[in-house]
Amino acid sequence: MYKIGLIGDRDTTMGFRALGLATFEVSGQSDTEQAVMEVMRDNFAVVLITERAYARVAQMLHEHRDRAFPVYSLIPDNQGSIGLGQKRLSKMIERAIGVDILFKEVGKN
């Protein structure tokens, strides 16, 4: 059976832990990398990861982008969004269909 997990700071993981998600509390580069390696080894289908945690391991995840599982979904942490989730979604859509239809501002080329 597949699992759903969350990688993020203490405050963010606390709420999700109460919902029954497997949580990985991280605060720095090495523990974030370690958490990513653990979810890759285990049966995780979906991993929510805070934008700040993602920023620390973006290159690592990019190197493993061809894996079917887990699927990573970026979420803001308790301090709010830093825009990485929106940028990532925009790039994926643009790559899939060839044009940025979501976040392109009117009047800009």
N, C-alpha and C. Protein backbone atom coordinates (compact mmCIF):
# COMPACT_ATOMS: atom_id res chain seq x y z
N MET A 1 0.84 -1.17 0.00
CA MET A 1 0.00 0.00 0.00
C MET A 1 0.89 1.24 0.00
N TYR A 2 0.50 2.22 -0.80
CA TYR A 2 1.25 3.46 -0.88
C TYR A 2 0.90 4.40 0.26
N LYS A 3 1.85 5.29 0.56
CA LYS A 3 1.67 6.26 1.65
C LYS A 3 1.70 7.68 1.10
N ILE A 4 1.21 8.59 1.94
CA ILE A 4 1.30 10.02 1.67
C ILE A 4 2.15 10.64 2.76
N GLY A 5 3.09 11.48 2.39
CA GLY A 5 3.97 12.07 3.37
C GLY A 5 4.11 13.57 3.21
N LEU A 6 4.76 14.16 4.18
CA LEU A 6 5.02 15.60 4.17
C LEU A 6 6.43 15.85 4.67
N ILE A 7 7.16 16.68 3.93
CA ILE A 7 8.49 17.11 4.34
C ILE A 7 8.41 18.62 4.57
N GLY A 8 8.78 19.06 5.77
CA GLY A 8 8.72 20.49 6.06
C GLY A 8 9.18 20.83 7.46
N ASP A 9 8.99 22.08 7.81
CA ASP A 9 9.40 22.58 9.12
C ASP A 9 8.48 22.04 10.21
N ARG A 10 8.86 22.24 11.43
CA ARG A 10 8.14 21.69 12.59
C ARG A 10 6.68 22.15 12.64
N ASP A 11 6.45 23.44 12.49
CA ASP A 11 5.09 23.96 12.59
C ASP A 11 4.17 23.40 11.52
N THR A 12 4.68 23.25 10.31
CA THR A 12 3.87 22.73 9.22
C THR A 12 3.59 21.25 9.39
N THR A 13 4.59 20.49 9.79
CA THR A 13 4.39 19.04 9.93
C THR A 13 3.44 18.68 11.06
N MET A 14 3.39 19.51 12.10
CA MET A 14 2.55 19.20 13.26
C MET A 14 1.08 19.01 12.89
N GLY A 15 0.54 19.90 12.09
CA GLY A 15 -0.86 19.81 11.70
C GLY A 15 -1.16 18.59 10.85
N PHE A 16 -0.25 18.28 9.94
CA PHE A 16 -0.46 17.14 9.05
C PHE A 16 -0.28 15.81 9.76
N ARG A 17 0.55 15.79 10.78
CA ARG A 17 0.75 14.57 11.57
C ARG A 17 -0.56 14.15 12.22
N ALA A 18 -1.33 15.14 12.65
CA ALA A 18 -2.62 14.86 13.28
C ALA A 18 -3.60 14.22 12.29
N LEU A 19 -3.39 14.45 11.00
CA LEU A 19 -4.24 13.86 9.97
C LEU A 19 -3.81 12.45 9.57
N GLY A 20 -2.71 11.98 10.14
CA GLY A 20 -2.26 10.63 9.86
C GLY A 20 -1.21 10.52 8.77
N LEU A 21 -0.71 11.63 8.27
CA LEU A 21 0.35 11.58 7.26
C LEU A 21 1.68 11.26 7.92
N ALA A 22 2.54 10.57 7.18
CA ALA A 22 3.91 10.37 7.64
C ALA A 22 4.62 11.70 7.44
N THR A 23 5.21 12.22 8.48
CA THR A 23 5.84 13.53 8.39
C THR A 23 7.34 13.44 8.65
N PHE A 24 8.06 14.33 8.00
CA PHE A 24 9.52 14.41 8.14
C PHE A 24 9.85 15.86 8.48
N GLU A 25 10.18 16.09 9.72
CA GLU A 25 10.51 17.44 10.18
C GLU A 25 11.95 17.74 9.80
N VAL A 26 12.14 18.81 9.02
CA VAL A 26 13.48 19.17 8.54
C VAL A 26 13.74 20.64 8.81
N SER A 27 15.02 20.97 8.95
CA SER A 27 15.38 22.37 9.17
C SER A 27 16.62 22.79 8.38
N GLY A 28 17.34 21.84 7.84
CA GLY A 28 18.55 22.18 7.11
C GLY A 28 18.75 21.30 5.89
N GLN A 29 19.85 21.52 5.21
CA GLN A 29 20.15 20.82 3.97
C GLN A 29 20.25 19.30 4.16
N SER A 30 21.06 18.87 5.10
CA SER A 30 21.31 17.43 5.23
C SER A 30 20.08 16.65 5.67
N ASP A 31 19.30 17.18 6.62
CA ASP A 31 18.12 16.42 7.03
C ASP A 31 17.03 16.44 5.97
N THR A 32 16.99 17.48 5.14
CA THR A 32 16.04 17.50 4.03
C THR A 32 16.43 16.47 2.98
N GLU A 33 17.70 16.39 2.65
CA GLU A 33 18.18 15.38 1.71
C GLU A 33 17.91 13.98 2.24
N GLN A 34 18.13 13.78 3.52
CA GLN A 34 17.89 12.47 4.15
C GLN A 34 16.41 12.10 4.08
N ALA A 35 15.52 13.05 4.31
CA ALA A 35 14.08 12.79 4.24
C ALA A 35 13.67 12.42 2.82
N VAL A 36 14.21 13.11 1.82
CA VAL A 36 13.90 12.80 0.42
C VAL A 36 14.37 11.38 0.09
N MET A 37 15.55 11.02 0.52
CA MET A 37 16.05 9.67 0.26
C MET A 37 15.15 8.62 0.91
N GLU A 38 14.67 8.91 2.10
CA GLU A 38 13.80 7.96 2.80
C GLU A 38 12.47 7.77 2.07
N VAL A 39 11.86 8.85 1.58
CA VAL A 39 10.58 8.69 0.87
C VAL A 39 10.79 8.00 -0.48
N MET A 40 11.98 8.15 -1.08
CA MET A 40 12.25 7.45 -2.33
C MET A 40 12.40 5.96 -2.10
N ARG A 41 12.96 5.56 -0.96
CA ARG A 41 13.16 4.15 -0.66
C ARG A 41 11.87 3.46 -0.23
N ASP A 42 10.98 4.20 0.40
CA ASP A 42 9.77 3.62 0.96
C ASP A 42 8.63 3.72 -0.06
N ASN A 43 7.45 3.22 0.31
CA ASN A 43 6.29 3.19 -0.58
C ASN A 43 5.47 4.47 -0.51
N PHE A 44 6.03 5.58 -0.90
CA PHE A 44 5.30 6.84 -0.92
C PHE A 44 4.84 7.14 -2.33
N ALA A 45 3.56 7.44 -2.47
CA ALA A 45 3.00 7.81 -3.77
C ALA A 45 3.01 9.32 -3.94
N VAL A 46 2.65 10.03 -2.87
CA VAL A 46 2.57 11.49 -2.90
C VAL A 46 3.32 12.04 -1.70
N VAL A 47 4.14 13.05 -1.97
CA VAL A 47 4.86 13.73 -0.89
C VAL A 47 4.61 15.22 -1.03
N LEU A 48 3.99 15.79 -0.02
CA LEU A 48 3.87 17.24 0.07
C LEU A 48 5.19 17.75 0.62
N ILE A 49 5.70 18.82 0.04
CA ILE A 49 6.97 19.37 0.51
C ILE A 49 6.84 20.89 0.53
N THR A 50 7.24 21.49 1.63
CA THR A 50 7.13 22.94 1.71
C THR A 50 8.10 23.58 0.71
N GLU A 51 7.75 24.75 0.25
CA GLU A 51 8.57 25.43 -0.76
C GLU A 51 9.99 25.66 -0.26
N ARG A 52 10.15 26.02 0.99
CA ARG A 52 11.50 26.27 1.52
C ARG A 52 12.32 24.98 1.59
N ALA A 53 11.68 23.87 1.95
CA ALA A 53 12.39 22.59 1.96
C ALA A 53 12.74 22.18 0.53
N TYR A 54 11.81 22.41 -0.40
CA TYR A 54 12.06 22.08 -1.80
C TYR A 54 13.25 22.87 -2.34
N ALA A 55 13.37 24.12 -1.96
CA ALA A 55 14.47 24.95 -2.44
C ALA A 55 15.83 24.34 -2.08
N ARG A 56 15.89 23.64 -0.95
CA ARG A 56 17.14 23.02 -0.51
C ARG A 56 17.49 21.77 -1.31
N VAL A 57 16.49 21.10 -1.89
CA VAL A 57 16.74 19.82 -2.58
C VAL A 57 16.24 19.82 -4.02
N ALA A 58 16.01 20.99 -4.59
CA ALA A 58 15.47 21.08 -5.95
C ALA A 58 16.34 20.33 -6.96
N GLN A 59 17.64 20.51 -6.89
CA GLN A 59 18.54 19.84 -7.84
C GLN A 59 18.49 18.34 -7.66
N MET A 60 18.45 17.89 -6.43
CA MET A 60 18.37 16.46 -6.14
C MET A 60 17.08 15.86 -6.72
N LEU A 61 15.97 16.54 -6.55
CA LEU A 61 14.70 16.05 -7.08
C LEU A 61 14.68 16.12 -8.60
N HIS A 62 15.33 17.13 -9.16
CA HIS A 62 15.41 17.24 -10.62
C HIS A 62 16.14 16.04 -11.22
N GLU A 63 17.16 15.58 -10.54
CA GLU A 63 17.93 14.43 -11.01
C GLU A 63 17.10 13.14 -10.99
N HIS A 64 16.07 13.09 -10.16
CA HIS A 64 15.22 11.91 -10.04
C HIS A 64 13.83 12.13 -10.65
N ARG A 65 13.69 13.09 -11.53
CA ARG A 65 12.38 13.45 -12.08
C ARG A 65 11.76 12.36 -12.95
N ASP A 66 12.53 11.40 -13.43
CA ASP A 66 12.00 10.34 -14.28
C ASP A 66 11.33 9.22 -13.49
N ARG A 67 11.42 9.25 -12.19
CA ARG A 67 10.78 8.23 -11.36
C ARG A 67 9.27 8.46 -11.34
N ALA A 68 8.51 7.37 -11.38
CA ALA A 68 7.05 7.49 -11.34
C ALA A 68 6.57 7.92 -9.95
N PHE A 69 7.19 7.40 -8.92
CA PHE A 69 6.80 7.72 -7.54
C PHE A 69 8.03 8.06 -6.73
N PRO A 70 7.89 8.90 -5.76
CA PRO A 70 6.71 9.65 -5.37
C PRO A 70 6.51 10.89 -6.23
N VAL A 71 5.30 11.38 -6.23
CA VAL A 71 4.96 12.64 -6.87
C VAL A 71 5.09 13.72 -5.80
N TYR A 72 5.81 14.78 -6.09
CA TYR A 72 6.02 15.87 -5.13
C TYR A 72 5.08 17.03 -5.45
N SER A 73 4.43 17.52 -4.42
CA SER A 73 3.55 18.68 -4.55
C SER A 73 4.01 19.75 -3.57
N LEU A 74 4.31 20.93 -4.08
CA LEU A 74 4.81 22.01 -3.23
C LEU A 74 3.67 22.73 -2.53
N ILE A 75 3.89 23.01 -1.26
CA ILE A 75 2.92 23.75 -0.46
C ILE A 75 3.65 24.86 0.29
N PRO A 76 2.95 25.94 0.62
CA PRO A 76 3.58 26.98 1.44
C PRO A 76 3.73 26.48 2.87
N ASP A 77 4.65 27.05 3.60
CA ASP A 77 4.79 26.70 5.01
C ASP A 77 4.06 27.73 5.86
N ASN A 78 4.30 27.72 7.15
CA ASN A 78 3.59 28.63 8.05
C ASN A 78 3.97 30.10 7.84
N GLN A 79 5.03 30.36 7.09
CA GLN A 79 5.44 31.74 6.80
C GLN A 79 4.86 32.25 5.49
N GLY A 80 4.15 31.39 4.76
CA GLY A 80 3.55 31.79 3.50
C GLY A 80 4.35 31.33 2.30
N SER A 81 3.80 31.58 1.14
CA SER A 81 4.41 31.14 -0.12
C SER A 81 5.58 32.04 -0.50
N ILE A 82 6.57 31.41 -1.12
CA ILE A 82 7.68 32.17 -1.70
C ILE A 82 7.63 32.10 -3.24
N GLY A 83 6.56 31.54 -3.77
CA GLY A 83 6.32 31.52 -5.21
C GLY A 83 6.89 30.34 -5.97
N LEU A 84 7.58 29.42 -5.31
CA LEU A 84 8.18 28.30 -6.02
C LEU A 84 7.13 27.35 -6.60
N GLY A 85 6.05 27.12 -5.88
CA GLY A 85 5.00 26.23 -6.35
C GLY A 85 4.37 26.76 -7.63
N GLN A 86 4.09 28.03 -7.66
CA GLN A 86 3.49 28.67 -8.83
C GLN A 86 4.46 28.61 -10.03
N LYS A 87 5.73 28.89 -9.79
CA LYS A 87 6.73 28.84 -10.86
C LYS A 87 6.86 27.43 -11.42
N ARG A 88 6.89 26.45 -10.52
CA ARG A 88 7.05 25.06 -10.94
C ARG A 88 5.85 24.61 -11.78
N LEU A 89 4.65 24.94 -11.33
CA LEU A 89 3.45 24.58 -12.07
C LEU A 89 3.44 25.24 -13.45
N SER A 90 3.81 26.50 -13.50
CA SER A 90 3.85 27.23 -14.76
C SER A 90 4.84 26.58 -15.74
N LYS A 91 6.01 26.19 -15.25
CA LYS A 91 7.02 25.56 -16.11
C LYS A 91 6.53 24.20 -16.63
N MET A 92 5.87 23.43 -15.76
CA MET A 92 5.37 22.12 -16.19
C MET A 92 4.31 22.26 -17.27
N ILE A 93 3.42 23.21 -17.11
CA ILE A 93 2.37 23.43 -18.12
C ILE A 93 2.98 23.93 -19.42
N GLU A 94 3.91 24.86 -19.31
CA GLU A 94 4.56 25.39 -20.51
C GLU A 94 5.30 24.29 -21.25
N ARG A 95 5.96 23.40 -20.53
CA ARG A 95 6.68 22.29 -21.16
C ARG A 95 5.69 21.32 -21.83
N ALA A 96 4.54 21.11 -21.19
CA ALA A 96 3.56 20.16 -21.72
C ALA A 96 2.85 20.67 -22.97
N ILE A 97 2.47 21.95 -22.97
CA ILE A 97 1.68 22.45 -24.10
C ILE A 97 2.39 23.51 -24.94
N GLY A 98 3.54 23.96 -24.48
CA GLY A 98 4.32 24.90 -25.28
C GLY A 98 4.07 26.36 -25.01
N VAL A 99 3.13 26.69 -24.11
CA VAL A 99 2.86 28.09 -23.81
C VAL A 99 2.39 28.21 -22.36
N ASP A 100 2.73 29.31 -21.72
CA ASP A 100 2.30 29.56 -20.35
C ASP A 100 0.92 30.18 -20.37
N ILE A 101 -0.11 29.38 -20.09
CA ILE A 101 -1.48 29.88 -20.14
C ILE A 101 -2.01 30.31 -18.78
N LEU A 102 -1.34 29.93 -17.71
CA LEU A 102 -1.86 30.22 -16.37
C LEU A 102 -1.46 31.57 -15.82
N PHE A 103 -0.19 31.89 -15.87
CA PHE A 103 0.32 33.03 -15.12
C PHE A 103 0.84 34.16 -15.99
N LYS A 104 0.63 34.07 -17.29
CA LYS A 104 1.09 35.12 -18.19
C LYS A 104 0.25 36.37 -17.97
N GLU A 105 0.92 37.48 -17.79
CA GLU A 105 0.20 38.73 -17.57
C GLU A 105 -0.27 39.30 -18.90
N VAL A 106 -1.43 39.90 -18.89
CA VAL A 106 -2.00 40.49 -20.09
C VAL A 106 -1.12 41.66 -20.53
N GLY A 107 -0.83 41.73 -21.82
CA GLY A 107 -0.06 42.84 -22.36
C GLY A 107 1.44 42.63 -22.36
N LYS A 108 1.93 41.52 -21.77
CA LYS A 108 3.36 41.25 -21.77
C LYS A 108 3.65 40.18 -22.81
N ASN A 109 4.78 40.30 -23.46
CA ASN A 109 5.16 39.32 -24.50
C ASN A 109 6.20 38.38 -23.98
